[in-house]
Every structure is written in structure tokens, then in C-alpha cells.
Amino acid sequence: MQSRRFATVVTLVIVVAFFLVAIAPAFASPAPGTLPFHARLVSSEPADRTSVETADRVVLTFNESINPDFVAVRVSGPVGAEVDGAPSVEGATVTQPLAAPLAAGEHTVTYRVVSNDGHPISGTVTFTSTPVAATPSPTASTPTSTPEASPTPTVSTASATPMPSDSPTPTPEPVADEAGTSPWVGVGIAVGVAVLAVALGLVWHRRRNRPDDLRD
């Protein structure tokens, strides 16, 4: 009878351990920004953290259709606000016209919208504009007579050779991994609990089967 009870306990412990192993991945923390059921920004034009010569608009594309009644887009640069009119919405795309000409430097796009199913979406996008300077057109010059200059001795000068800099090149620091908690942590805990339970069961079973004079 005792052996049958012990076998039942061990079986239950093994079943619970396998159950914990099976559900452990569900309790693992997902990586930031990977929730599949939330509305999010898919792409932008200009793209985030890129450089362009100039831009006359900002285009934001989301993974869900946007409610046109709840859209706010601000664009600021070296000279202040740079929007030109209200943003327009077409499905999942929001377009914000920009005032021209766009000043050179960094520009920050701040958006806050609401998808058609009620999910709020907000964030920022930055880009840098580097307009090309206009090349001056050549002008015809009128030749003028100049008096002949007396010859002067030519002095030879050695060209300066740049010396290598002694400053060490800064090494970028490693970026911390933002991945979520590994599901194997839960698996390890479940296996550890199962092993501990089986070990305690074996000790209890041996003590129950030992003669009374050997238990003390």
C-alpha cells in the first residue's frame, strides 16, 4: 500500500513538472516594442535618424488605420515650428506638410494619433537636413593693364606634414541587450522543483520502510 502511494505521489510530481515546463514560455517577458496586438509606427519619411537635403512633408505610416479626428503632428527645427497646415489622413498614413525652405539642422517630429479601434499611438522621429549651397555663377572680368613688377626671389618653403593625433579613438560602449526574460528560467525552476520533490519522496519512502529500531 505504501509503495502504491509513493508511486502515485511521484507520478503527480512528474505531471506537475511537465505542466510547468509547458507553460513557462507563456510567462516569459516579451522584448520591448514587440507586442503584436498594439498599434505602432511602421515607417516614416524621412526615415528616423537619417540625413536628407531637404523635405517638404513628413509621412508617417502605421500598422492600423488612423482616426482622422484624433491626429496631432508637430515638427520643430533650428528656427522653431515648421508645419504648414493641418495633417491629412489616408487609411494608415498620416501626411504633414512642412514650411519651405527647410532650415539646415536637426528636426524633431512629435506625433500623437489614435487608431480606428481606439489604440493611442505617440512617439518622436528625428532627421537632419543638409541643403546644398547654391554655386555662384561666373562673371566676366574686364582685363586691366598692370605695371610690370620687379622680379622677387623665390623662397622655397617646406610643406607642413600633419602630425598624427595622440588622442585615442573613443570606443563605443556595448549596448545592453533589451531582450525579455528567457523562458528557460521558468523551465529550470520547474525541473528543480520536480527533482526536489522526487528526492524528498525517496527519503520519506526509505524511512517508512526501515525497521523501527533503525529509524532513531
N, C-alpha and C. Protein backbone atom coordinates (compact mmCIF):
# COMPACT_ATOMS: atom_id res chain seq x y z
N MET A 1 0.84 -1.21 0.00
CA MET A 1 0.00 0.00 0.00
C MET A 1 0.86 1.25 0.00
N GLN A 2 1.91 1.25 0.84
CA GLN A 2 2.79 2.41 0.89
C GLN A 2 3.52 2.61 -0.43
N SER A 3 3.93 1.51 -1.06
CA SER A 3 4.61 1.63 -2.35
C SER A 3 3.69 2.21 -3.40
N ARG A 4 2.41 1.83 -3.33
CA ARG A 4 1.46 2.36 -4.31
C ARG A 4 1.25 3.85 -4.09
N ARG A 5 1.17 4.28 -2.82
CA ARG A 5 1.02 5.70 -2.54
C ARG A 5 2.24 6.48 -3.00
N PHE A 6 3.40 5.92 -2.76
CA PHE A 6 4.62 6.60 -3.19
C PHE A 6 4.66 6.75 -4.71
N ALA A 7 4.27 5.69 -5.42
CA ALA A 7 4.26 5.77 -6.89
C ALA A 7 3.26 6.81 -7.37
N THR A 8 2.13 6.92 -6.67
CA THR A 8 1.14 7.94 -7.06
C THR A 8 1.69 9.34 -6.86
N VAL A 9 2.38 9.56 -5.72
CA VAL A 9 2.96 10.88 -5.45
C VAL A 9 4.00 11.24 -6.49
N VAL A 10 4.87 10.29 -6.83
CA VAL A 10 5.91 10.55 -7.83
C VAL A 10 5.29 10.87 -9.18
N THR A 11 4.24 10.14 -9.55
CA THR A 11 3.57 10.40 -10.82
C THR A 11 2.98 11.80 -10.87
N LEU A 12 2.34 12.22 -9.76
CA LEU A 12 1.76 13.56 -9.71
C LEU A 12 2.84 14.63 -9.82
N VAL A 13 3.97 14.40 -9.15
CA VAL A 13 5.06 15.38 -9.22
C VAL A 13 5.58 15.51 -10.65
N ILE A 14 5.73 14.39 -11.34
CA ILE A 14 6.23 14.43 -12.72
C ILE A 14 5.23 15.15 -13.63
N VAL A 15 3.94 14.89 -13.43
CA VAL A 15 2.93 15.56 -14.26
C VAL A 15 2.96 17.06 -14.03
N VAL A 16 3.07 17.47 -12.76
CA VAL A 16 3.12 18.91 -12.46
C VAL A 16 4.37 19.54 -13.07
N ALA A 17 5.49 18.83 -13.02
CA ALA A 17 6.73 19.37 -13.59
C ALA A 17 6.60 19.58 -15.08
N PHE A 18 6.04 18.59 -15.78
CA PHE A 18 5.86 18.75 -17.23
C PHE A 18 4.88 19.89 -17.55
N PHE A 19 3.87 20.06 -16.72
CA PHE A 19 2.91 21.15 -16.93
C PHE A 19 3.60 22.51 -16.77
N LEU A 20 4.45 22.63 -15.76
CA LEU A 20 5.16 23.89 -15.57
C LEU A 20 6.12 24.16 -16.71
N VAL A 21 6.77 23.12 -17.22
CA VAL A 21 7.67 23.30 -18.35
C VAL A 21 6.91 23.77 -19.58
N ALA A 22 5.70 23.26 -19.75
CA ALA A 22 4.91 23.61 -20.94
C ALA A 22 4.43 25.06 -20.91
N ILE A 23 4.07 25.55 -19.70
CA ILE A 23 3.52 26.91 -19.63
C ILE A 23 4.57 27.95 -19.32
N ALA A 24 5.82 27.56 -19.07
CA ALA A 24 6.85 28.54 -18.73
C ALA A 24 7.05 29.58 -19.81
N PRO A 25 7.10 29.23 -21.12
CA PRO A 25 7.30 30.27 -22.14
C PRO A 25 6.22 31.33 -22.15
N ALA A 26 5.01 30.98 -21.73
CA ALA A 26 3.92 31.96 -21.74
C ALA A 26 4.13 33.06 -20.72
N PHE A 27 4.90 32.78 -19.67
CA PHE A 27 5.13 33.77 -18.63
C PHE A 27 6.43 34.53 -18.84
N ALA A 28 7.17 34.23 -19.89
CA ALA A 28 8.40 34.97 -20.17
C ALA A 28 8.05 36.36 -20.62
N SER A 29 8.84 37.36 -20.19
CA SER A 29 8.59 38.75 -20.55
C SER A 29 8.95 38.97 -22.00
N PRO A 30 8.04 39.53 -22.83
CA PRO A 30 8.38 39.78 -24.23
C PRO A 30 9.34 40.93 -24.36
N ALA A 31 10.08 40.97 -25.46
CA ALA A 31 11.01 42.07 -25.71
C ALA A 31 10.24 43.35 -25.92
N PRO A 32 10.80 44.53 -25.47
CA PRO A 32 10.11 45.79 -25.64
C PRO A 32 9.81 46.08 -27.09
N GLY A 33 8.60 46.63 -27.34
CA GLY A 33 8.22 47.04 -28.67
C GLY A 33 7.80 45.92 -29.59
N THR A 34 7.56 44.68 -29.04
CA THR A 34 7.19 43.57 -29.91
C THR A 34 5.77 43.08 -29.63
N LEU A 35 4.94 43.84 -28.95
CA LEU A 35 3.59 43.42 -28.70
C LEU A 35 2.81 43.43 -30.01
N PRO A 36 2.34 42.26 -30.50
CA PRO A 36 1.75 42.22 -31.83
C PRO A 36 0.37 42.81 -31.91
N PHE A 37 -0.34 42.98 -30.77
CA PHE A 37 -1.71 43.42 -30.80
C PHE A 37 -1.86 44.91 -30.54
N HIS A 38 -0.78 45.66 -30.55
CA HIS A 38 -0.85 47.09 -30.31
C HIS A 38 -0.51 47.85 -31.58
N ALA A 39 -1.20 48.99 -31.75
CA ALA A 39 -0.91 49.84 -32.90
C ALA A 39 0.48 50.44 -32.73
N ARG A 40 1.19 50.63 -33.86
CA ARG A 40 2.56 51.15 -33.78
C ARG A 40 2.93 51.80 -35.11
N LEU A 41 3.98 52.61 -35.06
CA LEU A 41 4.52 53.24 -36.26
C LEU A 41 5.36 52.22 -37.02
N VAL A 42 5.08 52.09 -38.33
CA VAL A 42 5.81 51.13 -39.15
C VAL A 42 7.01 51.80 -39.84
N SER A 43 6.81 52.99 -40.42
CA SER A 43 7.88 53.67 -41.11
C SER A 43 7.58 55.16 -41.17
N SER A 44 8.60 55.94 -41.53
CA SER A 44 8.44 57.39 -41.66
C SER A 44 9.27 57.87 -42.85
N GLU A 45 8.85 58.99 -43.39
CA GLU A 45 9.57 59.63 -44.50
C GLU A 45 9.65 61.13 -44.22
N PRO A 46 10.86 61.64 -43.97
CA PRO A 46 12.16 60.98 -43.94
C PRO A 46 12.26 59.94 -42.81
N ALA A 47 13.10 58.96 -43.01
CA ALA A 47 13.26 57.91 -42.03
C ALA A 47 13.91 58.45 -40.77
N ASP A 48 13.66 57.76 -39.65
CA ASP A 48 14.19 58.19 -38.37
C ASP A 48 15.72 58.15 -38.37
N ARG A 49 16.33 59.23 -37.87
CA ARG A 49 17.79 59.34 -37.69
C ARG A 49 18.54 59.25 -39.02
N THR A 50 17.98 59.84 -40.05
CA THR A 50 18.66 59.89 -41.35
C THR A 50 18.90 61.34 -41.73
N SER A 51 19.70 61.53 -42.78
CA SER A 51 20.01 62.88 -43.29
C SER A 51 19.47 63.00 -44.71
N VAL A 52 18.84 64.12 -44.99
CA VAL A 52 18.30 64.41 -46.32
C VAL A 52 18.70 65.84 -46.69
N GLU A 53 18.68 66.14 -47.99
CA GLU A 53 18.99 67.50 -48.41
C GLU A 53 17.90 68.46 -47.95
N THR A 54 16.64 68.07 -48.17
CA THR A 54 15.51 68.88 -47.73
C THR A 54 14.27 68.00 -47.76
N ALA A 55 13.17 68.53 -47.26
CA ALA A 55 11.90 67.80 -47.25
C ALA A 55 10.77 68.81 -47.24
N ASP A 56 9.71 68.49 -47.95
CA ASP A 56 8.54 69.37 -47.96
C ASP A 56 7.36 68.78 -47.21
N ARG A 57 7.54 67.55 -46.66
CA ARG A 57 6.47 66.92 -45.89
C ARG A 57 7.06 65.80 -45.06
N VAL A 58 6.27 65.37 -44.07
CA VAL A 58 6.61 64.20 -43.25
C VAL A 58 5.47 63.21 -43.40
N VAL A 59 5.81 61.96 -43.74
CA VAL A 59 4.82 60.92 -43.93
C VAL A 59 5.03 59.85 -42.86
N LEU A 60 3.99 59.57 -42.07
CA LEU A 60 4.04 58.55 -41.02
C LEU A 60 3.10 57.42 -41.40
N THR A 61 3.60 56.19 -41.42
CA THR A 61 2.80 55.03 -41.78
C THR A 61 2.69 54.10 -40.58
N PHE A 62 1.45 53.75 -40.21
CA PHE A 62 1.19 52.90 -39.06
C PHE A 62 0.68 51.53 -39.52
N ASN A 63 0.57 50.59 -38.58
CA ASN A 63 0.10 49.25 -38.92
C ASN A 63 -1.41 49.13 -38.83
N GLU A 64 -2.09 50.20 -38.44
CA GLU A 64 -3.55 50.21 -38.37
C GLU A 64 -4.07 51.52 -38.94
N SER A 65 -5.32 51.52 -39.39
CA SER A 65 -5.93 52.74 -39.89
C SER A 65 -6.07 53.75 -38.76
N ILE A 66 -5.90 55.03 -39.10
CA ILE A 66 -5.88 56.10 -38.11
C ILE A 66 -7.19 56.88 -38.16
N ASN A 67 -7.69 57.23 -36.97
CA ASN A 67 -8.90 58.05 -36.87
C ASN A 67 -8.53 59.49 -37.19
N PRO A 68 -9.08 60.08 -38.26
CA PRO A 68 -8.69 61.45 -38.63
C PRO A 68 -9.10 62.51 -37.63
N ASP A 69 -9.99 62.17 -36.69
CA ASP A 69 -10.43 63.15 -35.70
C ASP A 69 -9.46 63.29 -34.54
N PHE A 70 -8.51 62.40 -34.43
CA PHE A 70 -7.56 62.44 -33.30
C PHE A 70 -6.14 62.31 -33.85
N VAL A 71 -5.66 63.36 -34.49
CA VAL A 71 -4.33 63.38 -35.08
C VAL A 71 -3.65 64.70 -34.70
N ALA A 72 -2.45 64.60 -34.16
CA ALA A 72 -1.66 65.78 -33.82
C ALA A 72 -0.21 65.52 -34.21
N VAL A 73 0.35 66.39 -35.06
CA VAL A 73 1.74 66.25 -35.51
C VAL A 73 2.42 67.60 -35.36
N ARG A 74 3.55 67.61 -34.69
CA ARG A 74 4.36 68.83 -34.55
C ARG A 74 5.76 68.57 -35.09
N VAL A 75 6.28 69.56 -35.80
CA VAL A 75 7.63 69.46 -36.35
C VAL A 75 8.38 70.74 -35.95
N SER A 76 9.50 70.58 -35.29
CA SER A 76 10.30 71.72 -34.84
C SER A 76 11.74 71.54 -35.29
N GLY A 77 12.38 72.65 -35.62
CA GLY A 77 13.77 72.62 -36.09
C GLY A 77 14.57 73.76 -35.52
N PRO A 78 15.67 74.11 -36.17
CA PRO A 78 16.54 75.18 -35.65
C PRO A 78 15.84 76.53 -35.54
N VAL A 79 14.81 76.76 -36.35
CA VAL A 79 14.14 78.07 -36.33
C VAL A 79 12.78 78.01 -35.67
N GLY A 80 12.42 76.87 -35.06
CA GLY A 80 11.14 76.74 -34.39
C GLY A 80 10.18 75.83 -35.13
N ALA A 81 8.86 76.14 -35.03
CA ALA A 81 7.83 75.31 -35.67
C ALA A 81 7.97 75.35 -37.19
N GLU A 82 7.76 74.19 -37.84
CA GLU A 82 7.98 74.09 -39.28
C GLU A 82 6.79 73.47 -40.02
N VAL A 83 5.65 73.30 -39.35
CA VAL A 83 4.49 72.71 -40.03
C VAL A 83 3.83 73.77 -40.90
N ASP A 84 3.17 73.31 -41.96
CA ASP A 84 2.45 74.20 -42.87
C ASP A 84 1.05 73.63 -43.09
N GLY A 85 0.12 74.00 -42.22
CA GLY A 85 -1.24 73.49 -42.31
C GLY A 85 -1.46 72.26 -41.46
N ALA A 86 -2.66 71.68 -41.61
CA ALA A 86 -3.04 70.53 -40.81
C ALA A 86 -2.62 69.24 -41.49
N PRO A 87 -2.42 68.17 -40.72
CA PRO A 87 -2.06 66.88 -41.31
C PRO A 87 -3.27 66.24 -42.00
N SER A 88 -3.02 65.43 -43.00
CA SER A 88 -4.07 64.69 -43.69
C SER A 88 -3.90 63.20 -43.41
N VAL A 89 -5.03 62.48 -43.39
CA VAL A 89 -5.03 61.06 -43.06
C VAL A 89 -5.65 60.28 -44.21
N GLU A 90 -4.97 59.21 -44.60
CA GLU A 90 -5.49 58.31 -45.62
C GLU A 90 -5.20 56.88 -45.18
N GLY A 91 -6.20 56.25 -44.58
CA GLY A 91 -6.01 54.90 -44.07
C GLY A 91 -5.05 54.89 -42.90
N ALA A 92 -3.92 54.21 -43.07
CA ALA A 92 -2.91 54.12 -42.02
C ALA A 92 -1.77 55.10 -42.21
N THR A 93 -1.94 56.07 -43.15
CA THR A 93 -0.87 57.02 -43.47
C THR A 93 -1.27 58.43 -43.06
N VAL A 94 -0.37 59.10 -42.37
CA VAL A 94 -0.57 60.49 -41.95
C VAL A 94 0.49 61.35 -42.64
N THR A 95 0.06 62.41 -43.32
CA THR A 95 0.98 63.29 -44.04
C THR A 95 0.89 64.69 -43.47
N GLN A 96 2.05 65.23 -43.07
CA GLN A 96 2.12 66.59 -42.51
C GLN A 96 2.99 67.46 -43.43
N PRO A 97 2.39 68.48 -44.11
CA PRO A 97 3.21 69.37 -44.94
C PRO A 97 4.14 70.22 -44.09
N LEU A 98 5.31 70.57 -44.67
CA LEU A 98 6.31 71.37 -43.98
C LEU A 98 6.47 72.71 -44.69
N ALA A 99 6.82 73.72 -43.91
CA ALA A 99 7.07 75.05 -44.47
C ALA A 99 8.39 75.04 -45.23
N ALA A 100 8.43 75.77 -46.34
CA ALA A 100 9.66 75.86 -47.14
C ALA A 100 10.21 77.28 -47.04
N PRO A 101 11.52 77.43 -47.14
CA PRO A 101 12.54 76.37 -47.24
C PRO A 101 12.85 75.79 -45.87
N LEU A 102 13.25 74.54 -45.85
CA LEU A 102 13.57 73.87 -44.60
C LEU A 102 14.98 74.26 -44.16
N ALA A 103 15.10 74.72 -42.92
CA ALA A 103 16.41 75.15 -42.40
C ALA A 103 17.33 73.95 -42.22
N ALA A 104 18.62 74.21 -42.37
CA ALA A 104 19.61 73.15 -42.16
C ALA A 104 19.73 72.84 -40.68
N GLY A 105 19.83 71.56 -40.35
CA GLY A 105 19.98 71.14 -38.96
C GLY A 105 19.06 69.99 -38.63
N GLU A 106 18.90 69.72 -37.34
CA GLU A 106 18.10 68.59 -36.88
C GLU A 106 16.65 69.02 -36.70
N HIS A 107 15.73 68.13 -37.08
CA HIS A 107 14.31 68.39 -36.98
C HIS A 107 13.66 67.24 -36.19
N THR A 108 12.72 67.59 -35.31
CA THR A 108 12.06 66.61 -34.46
C THR A 108 10.57 66.57 -34.80
N VAL A 109 10.08 65.39 -35.10
CA VAL A 109 8.66 65.17 -35.41
C VAL A 109 8.03 64.48 -34.20
N THR A 110 7.04 65.13 -33.59
CA THR A 110 6.32 64.56 -32.46
C THR A 110 4.88 64.28 -32.91
N TYR A 111 4.44 63.05 -32.74
CA TYR A 111 3.10 62.68 -33.20
C TYR A 111 2.31 62.02 -32.08
N ARG A 112 1.00 62.20 -32.15
CA ARG A 112 0.07 61.52 -31.25
C ARG A 112 -1.21 61.29 -32.03
N VAL A 113 -1.53 60.03 -32.28
CA VAL A 113 -2.72 59.67 -33.05
C VAL A 113 -3.46 58.56 -32.32
N VAL A 114 -4.66 58.26 -32.83
CA VAL A 114 -5.48 57.18 -32.27
C VAL A 114 -5.96 56.33 -33.43
N SER A 115 -5.76 55.02 -33.34
CA SER A 115 -6.22 54.13 -34.40
C SER A 115 -7.73 53.99 -34.37
N ASN A 116 -8.31 53.44 -35.43
CA ASN A 116 -9.76 53.31 -35.52
C ASN A 116 -10.34 52.41 -34.43
N ASP A 117 -9.54 51.48 -33.90
CA ASP A 117 -10.05 50.62 -32.83
C ASP A 117 -9.75 51.17 -31.44
N GLY A 118 -9.26 52.42 -31.37
CA GLY A 118 -9.11 53.09 -30.08
C GLY A 118 -7.74 53.03 -29.46
N HIS A 119 -6.73 52.48 -30.13
CA HIS A 119 -5.39 52.41 -29.55
C HIS A 119 -4.65 53.74 -29.76
N PRO A 120 -4.20 54.40 -28.69
CA PRO A 120 -3.40 55.63 -28.86
C PRO A 120 -1.97 55.29 -29.24
N ILE A 121 -1.39 56.09 -30.11
CA ILE A 121 -0.01 55.89 -30.57
C ILE A 121 0.70 57.23 -30.49
N SER A 122 1.85 57.29 -29.85
CA SER A 122 2.61 58.52 -29.76
C SER A 122 4.09 58.20 -29.79
N GLY A 123 4.88 59.19 -30.21
CA GLY A 123 6.32 59.00 -30.28
C GLY A 123 6.98 60.15 -31.00
N THR A 124 8.27 60.01 -31.28
CA THR A 124 9.04 61.04 -31.96
C THR A 124 9.91 60.42 -33.05
N VAL A 125 10.17 61.21 -34.07
CA VAL A 125 11.07 60.85 -35.17
C VAL A 125 11.98 62.04 -35.42
N THR A 126 13.26 61.80 -35.62
CA THR A 126 14.20 62.88 -35.88
C THR A 126 14.91 62.64 -37.21
N PHE A 127 15.22 63.74 -37.91
CA PHE A 127 16.02 63.66 -39.13
C PHE A 127 16.80 64.96 -39.28
N THR A 128 17.82 64.95 -40.10
CA THR A 128 18.69 66.11 -40.28
C THR A 128 18.68 66.51 -41.75
N SER A 129 18.49 67.81 -41.99
CA SER A 129 18.52 68.33 -43.36
C SER A 129 19.86 69.00 -43.61
N THR A 130 20.42 68.74 -44.78
CA THR A 130 21.71 69.32 -45.18
C THR A 130 21.58 69.90 -46.58
N PRO A 131 20.92 71.05 -46.72
CA PRO A 131 20.72 71.63 -48.05
C PRO A 131 22.06 71.98 -48.70
N VAL A 132 22.11 71.78 -50.01
CA VAL A 132 23.33 72.07 -50.77
C VAL A 132 23.38 73.56 -51.07
N ALA A 133 24.54 74.20 -50.80
CA ALA A 133 24.68 75.63 -51.05
C ALA A 133 24.69 75.90 -52.54
N ALA A 134 24.05 77.01 -52.95
CA ALA A 134 23.99 77.37 -54.36
C ALA A 134 25.37 77.79 -54.86
N THR A 135 25.73 77.36 -56.07
CA THR A 135 27.03 77.69 -56.66
C THR A 135 26.93 79.03 -57.38
N PRO A 136 27.77 80.02 -57.03
CA PRO A 136 27.67 81.32 -57.69
C PRO A 136 28.04 81.21 -59.16
N SER A 137 27.29 81.93 -60.01
CA SER A 137 27.56 81.91 -61.45
C SER A 137 28.79 82.74 -61.76
N PRO A 138 29.64 82.29 -62.71
CA PRO A 138 30.86 83.05 -63.04
C PRO A 138 30.51 84.35 -63.76
N THR A 139 31.24 85.41 -63.48
CA THR A 139 31.05 86.71 -64.12
C THR A 139 32.28 87.09 -64.92
N ALA A 140 32.03 87.74 -66.06
CA ALA A 140 33.16 88.14 -66.92
C ALA A 140 33.89 89.31 -66.29
N SER A 141 35.19 89.23 -66.26
CA SER A 141 36.00 90.31 -65.68
C SER A 141 36.70 91.08 -66.80
N THR A 142 36.78 92.37 -66.62
CA THR A 142 37.42 93.24 -67.61
C THR A 142 38.92 93.27 -67.37
N PRO A 143 39.69 92.90 -68.40
CA PRO A 143 41.16 92.91 -68.17
C PRO A 143 41.67 94.34 -68.01
N THR A 144 42.54 94.50 -67.09
CA THR A 144 43.15 95.81 -66.84
C THR A 144 44.65 95.66 -66.91
N SER A 145 45.28 96.72 -67.40
CA SER A 145 46.75 96.69 -67.50
C SER A 145 47.35 96.95 -66.15
N THR A 146 48.32 96.16 -65.81
CA THR A 146 49.01 96.30 -64.53
C THR A 146 50.48 96.55 -64.81
N PRO A 147 51.10 97.41 -64.03
CA PRO A 147 52.53 97.68 -64.23
C PRO A 147 53.35 96.44 -63.94
N GLU A 148 54.42 96.33 -64.70
CA GLU A 148 55.29 95.17 -64.50
C GLU A 148 55.98 95.27 -63.15
N ALA A 149 55.90 94.18 -62.44
CA ALA A 149 56.52 94.15 -61.11
C ALA A 149 57.93 93.64 -61.24
N SER A 150 58.76 94.17 -60.40
CA SER A 150 60.15 93.74 -60.40
C SER A 150 60.23 92.31 -59.90
N PRO A 151 61.11 91.51 -60.49
CA PRO A 151 61.20 90.10 -60.03
C PRO A 151 61.66 90.02 -58.59
N THR A 152 61.05 89.12 -57.89
CA THR A 152 61.41 88.91 -56.48
C THR A 152 61.93 87.50 -56.32
N PRO A 153 62.89 87.33 -55.45
CA PRO A 153 63.44 85.98 -55.25
C PRO A 153 62.39 85.03 -54.70
N THR A 154 62.46 83.83 -55.22
CA THR A 154 61.50 82.80 -54.77
C THR A 154 62.09 82.07 -53.58
N VAL A 155 61.29 82.01 -52.53
CA VAL A 155 61.73 81.34 -51.31
C VAL A 155 61.03 80.00 -51.24
N SER A 156 61.81 78.98 -51.13
CA SER A 156 61.25 77.63 -51.03
C SER A 156 60.85 77.35 -49.60
N THR A 157 59.61 76.92 -49.44
CA THR A 157 59.11 76.58 -48.09
C THR A 157 58.70 75.12 -48.08
N ALA A 158 59.01 74.45 -46.98
CA ALA A 158 58.66 73.04 -46.84
C ALA A 158 57.19 72.92 -46.47
N SER A 159 56.51 72.03 -47.13
CA SER A 159 55.09 71.83 -46.81
C SER A 159 54.98 71.16 -45.45
N ALA A 160 54.00 71.66 -44.71
CA ALA A 160 53.81 71.13 -43.35
C ALA A 160 53.15 69.76 -43.43
N THR A 161 53.73 68.84 -42.71
CA THR A 161 53.17 67.49 -42.66
C THR A 161 52.35 67.34 -41.40
N PRO A 162 51.06 67.02 -41.53
CA PRO A 162 50.25 66.89 -40.32
C PRO A 162 50.75 65.75 -39.44
N MET A 163 50.81 66.02 -38.15
CA MET A 163 51.27 65.02 -37.19
C MET A 163 50.08 64.18 -36.75
N PRO A 164 50.32 62.91 -36.55
CA PRO A 164 49.19 62.07 -36.08
C PRO A 164 48.75 62.49 -34.69
N SER A 165 47.46 62.44 -34.50
CA SER A 165 46.90 62.84 -33.21
C SER A 165 47.18 61.77 -32.17
N ASP A 166 47.52 62.24 -30.95
CA ASP A 166 47.78 61.31 -29.85
C ASP A 166 46.52 60.90 -29.13
N SER A 167 45.40 61.55 -29.49
CA SER A 167 44.16 61.25 -28.77
C SER A 167 43.63 59.90 -29.23
N PRO A 168 43.34 58.99 -28.32
CA PRO A 168 42.82 57.67 -28.72
C PRO A 168 41.42 57.79 -29.27
N THR A 169 41.12 56.94 -30.23
CA THR A 169 39.77 56.93 -30.81
C THR A 169 38.81 56.33 -29.80
N PRO A 170 37.74 57.06 -29.46
CA PRO A 170 36.81 56.53 -28.45
C PRO A 170 36.15 55.27 -28.95
N THR A 171 36.08 54.30 -28.07
CA THR A 171 35.45 53.03 -28.39
C THR A 171 34.02 53.04 -27.90
N PRO A 172 33.03 52.78 -28.78
CA PRO A 172 31.65 52.82 -28.31
C PRO A 172 31.40 51.76 -27.27
N GLU A 173 30.62 52.15 -26.27
CA GLU A 173 30.30 51.22 -25.21
C GLU A 173 29.26 50.23 -25.70
N PRO A 174 29.33 48.98 -25.23
CA PRO A 174 28.33 48.00 -25.67
C PRO A 174 26.95 48.37 -25.19
N VAL A 175 25.99 48.10 -26.02
CA VAL A 175 24.61 48.41 -25.69
C VAL A 175 24.01 47.22 -24.97
N ALA A 176 23.33 47.51 -23.90
CA ALA A 176 22.74 46.44 -23.12
C ALA A 176 21.63 45.77 -23.90
N ASP A 177 21.55 44.44 -23.80
CA ASP A 177 20.52 43.69 -24.50
C ASP A 177 19.19 43.94 -23.86
N GLU A 178 18.19 44.31 -24.71
CA GLU A 178 16.88 44.63 -24.20
C GLU A 178 15.91 43.45 -24.34
N ALA A 179 16.42 42.30 -24.63
CA ALA A 179 15.52 41.17 -24.82
C ALA A 179 14.84 40.82 -23.51
N GLY A 180 13.67 40.22 -23.59
CA GLY A 180 12.92 39.88 -22.39
C GLY A 180 13.54 38.69 -21.68
N THR A 181 12.94 38.30 -20.55
CA THR A 181 13.42 37.19 -19.75
C THR A 181 13.29 35.90 -20.52
N SER A 182 14.32 35.07 -20.53
CA SER A 182 14.29 33.83 -21.28
C SER A 182 13.30 32.86 -20.65
N PRO A 183 12.50 32.16 -21.46
CA PRO A 183 11.56 31.19 -20.89
C PRO A 183 12.26 30.03 -20.22
N TRP A 184 13.57 29.82 -20.50
CA TRP A 184 14.28 28.71 -19.87
C TRP A 184 14.48 28.93 -18.38
N VAL A 185 14.32 30.17 -17.91
CA VAL A 185 14.39 30.39 -16.47
C VAL A 185 13.25 29.65 -15.78
N GLY A 186 12.04 29.78 -16.34
CA GLY A 186 10.89 29.07 -15.78
C GLY A 186 11.05 27.57 -15.90
N VAL A 187 11.64 27.12 -17.02
CA VAL A 187 11.86 25.68 -17.19
C VAL A 187 12.81 25.15 -16.13
N GLY A 188 13.88 25.90 -15.87
CA GLY A 188 14.83 25.47 -14.86
C GLY A 188 14.21 25.39 -13.48
N ILE A 189 13.36 26.39 -13.15
CA ILE A 189 12.69 26.37 -11.84
C ILE A 189 11.78 25.16 -11.73
N ALA A 190 11.03 24.86 -12.82
CA ALA A 190 10.10 23.73 -12.78
C ALA A 190 10.84 22.42 -12.60
N VAL A 191 11.93 22.23 -13.33
CA VAL A 191 12.71 21.00 -13.21
C VAL A 191 13.31 20.87 -11.81
N GLY A 192 13.80 22.00 -11.29
CA GLY A 192 14.37 21.97 -9.94
C GLY A 192 13.34 21.55 -8.89
N VAL A 193 12.11 22.09 -9.02
CA VAL A 193 11.05 21.73 -8.08
C VAL A 193 10.73 20.24 -8.19
N ALA A 194 10.68 19.72 -9.44
CA ALA A 194 10.36 18.31 -9.64
C ALA A 194 11.44 17.41 -9.01
N VAL A 195 12.71 17.75 -9.25
CA VAL A 195 13.80 16.94 -8.69
C VAL A 195 13.79 16.97 -7.17
N LEU A 196 13.53 18.14 -6.60
CA LEU A 196 13.49 18.25 -5.13
C LEU A 196 12.34 17.42 -4.57
N ALA A 197 11.18 17.45 -5.24
CA ALA A 197 10.03 16.69 -4.74
C ALA A 197 10.31 15.19 -4.80
N VAL A 198 10.92 14.73 -5.91
CA VAL A 198 11.22 13.31 -6.02
C VAL A 198 12.23 12.89 -4.97
N ALA A 199 13.25 13.73 -4.71
CA ALA A 199 14.25 13.40 -3.70
C ALA A 199 13.63 13.29 -2.31
N LEU A 200 12.75 14.24 -1.99
CA LEU A 200 12.08 14.18 -0.68
C LEU A 200 11.18 12.94 -0.58
N GLY A 201 10.55 12.58 -1.71
CA GLY A 201 9.72 11.37 -1.69
C GLY A 201 10.52 10.11 -1.46
N LEU A 202 11.70 10.04 -2.08
CA LEU A 202 12.56 8.87 -1.87
C LEU A 202 13.01 8.76 -0.43
N VAL A 203 13.39 9.89 0.18
CA VAL A 203 13.82 9.86 1.59
C VAL A 203 12.69 9.40 2.49
N TRP A 204 11.49 9.95 2.21
CA TRP A 204 10.33 9.56 3.04
C TRP A 204 10.02 8.08 2.88
N HIS A 205 10.10 7.56 1.64
CA HIS A 205 9.80 6.16 1.39
C HIS A 205 10.80 5.24 2.09
N ARG A 206 12.08 5.60 2.05
CA ARG A 206 13.09 4.76 2.71
C ARG A 206 12.90 4.75 4.22
N ARG A 207 12.57 5.92 4.78
CA ARG A 207 12.38 5.97 6.25
C ARG A 207 11.15 5.17 6.66
N ARG A 208 10.12 5.13 5.81
CA ARG A 208 8.92 4.38 6.14
C ARG A 208 9.19 2.86 6.07
N ASN A 209 10.11 2.44 5.19
CA ASN A 209 10.38 1.01 5.03
C ASN A 209 11.48 0.50 5.94
N ARG A 210 12.17 1.38 6.67
CA ARG A 210 13.23 0.92 7.58
C ARG A 210 12.63 0.33 8.84
N PRO A 211 13.30 -0.63 9.46
CA PRO A 211 12.79 -1.19 10.74
C PRO A 211 12.73 -0.09 11.80
N ASP A 212 11.85 -0.29 12.76
CA ASP A 212 11.67 0.73 13.80
C ASP A 212 12.92 0.95 14.61
N ASP A 213 13.77 -0.09 14.77
CA ASP A 213 14.96 0.08 15.59
C ASP A 213 16.06 0.83 14.86
N LEU A 214 15.92 1.06 13.51
CA LEU A 214 16.96 1.79 12.79
C LEU A 214 16.55 3.22 12.47
N ARG A 215 15.35 3.64 12.83
CA ARG A 215 14.90 4.99 12.49
C ARG A 215 15.54 6.04 13.35
N ASP A 216 15.93 5.71 14.62
CA ASP A 216 16.50 6.71 15.52
C ASP A 216 17.99 6.79 15.33
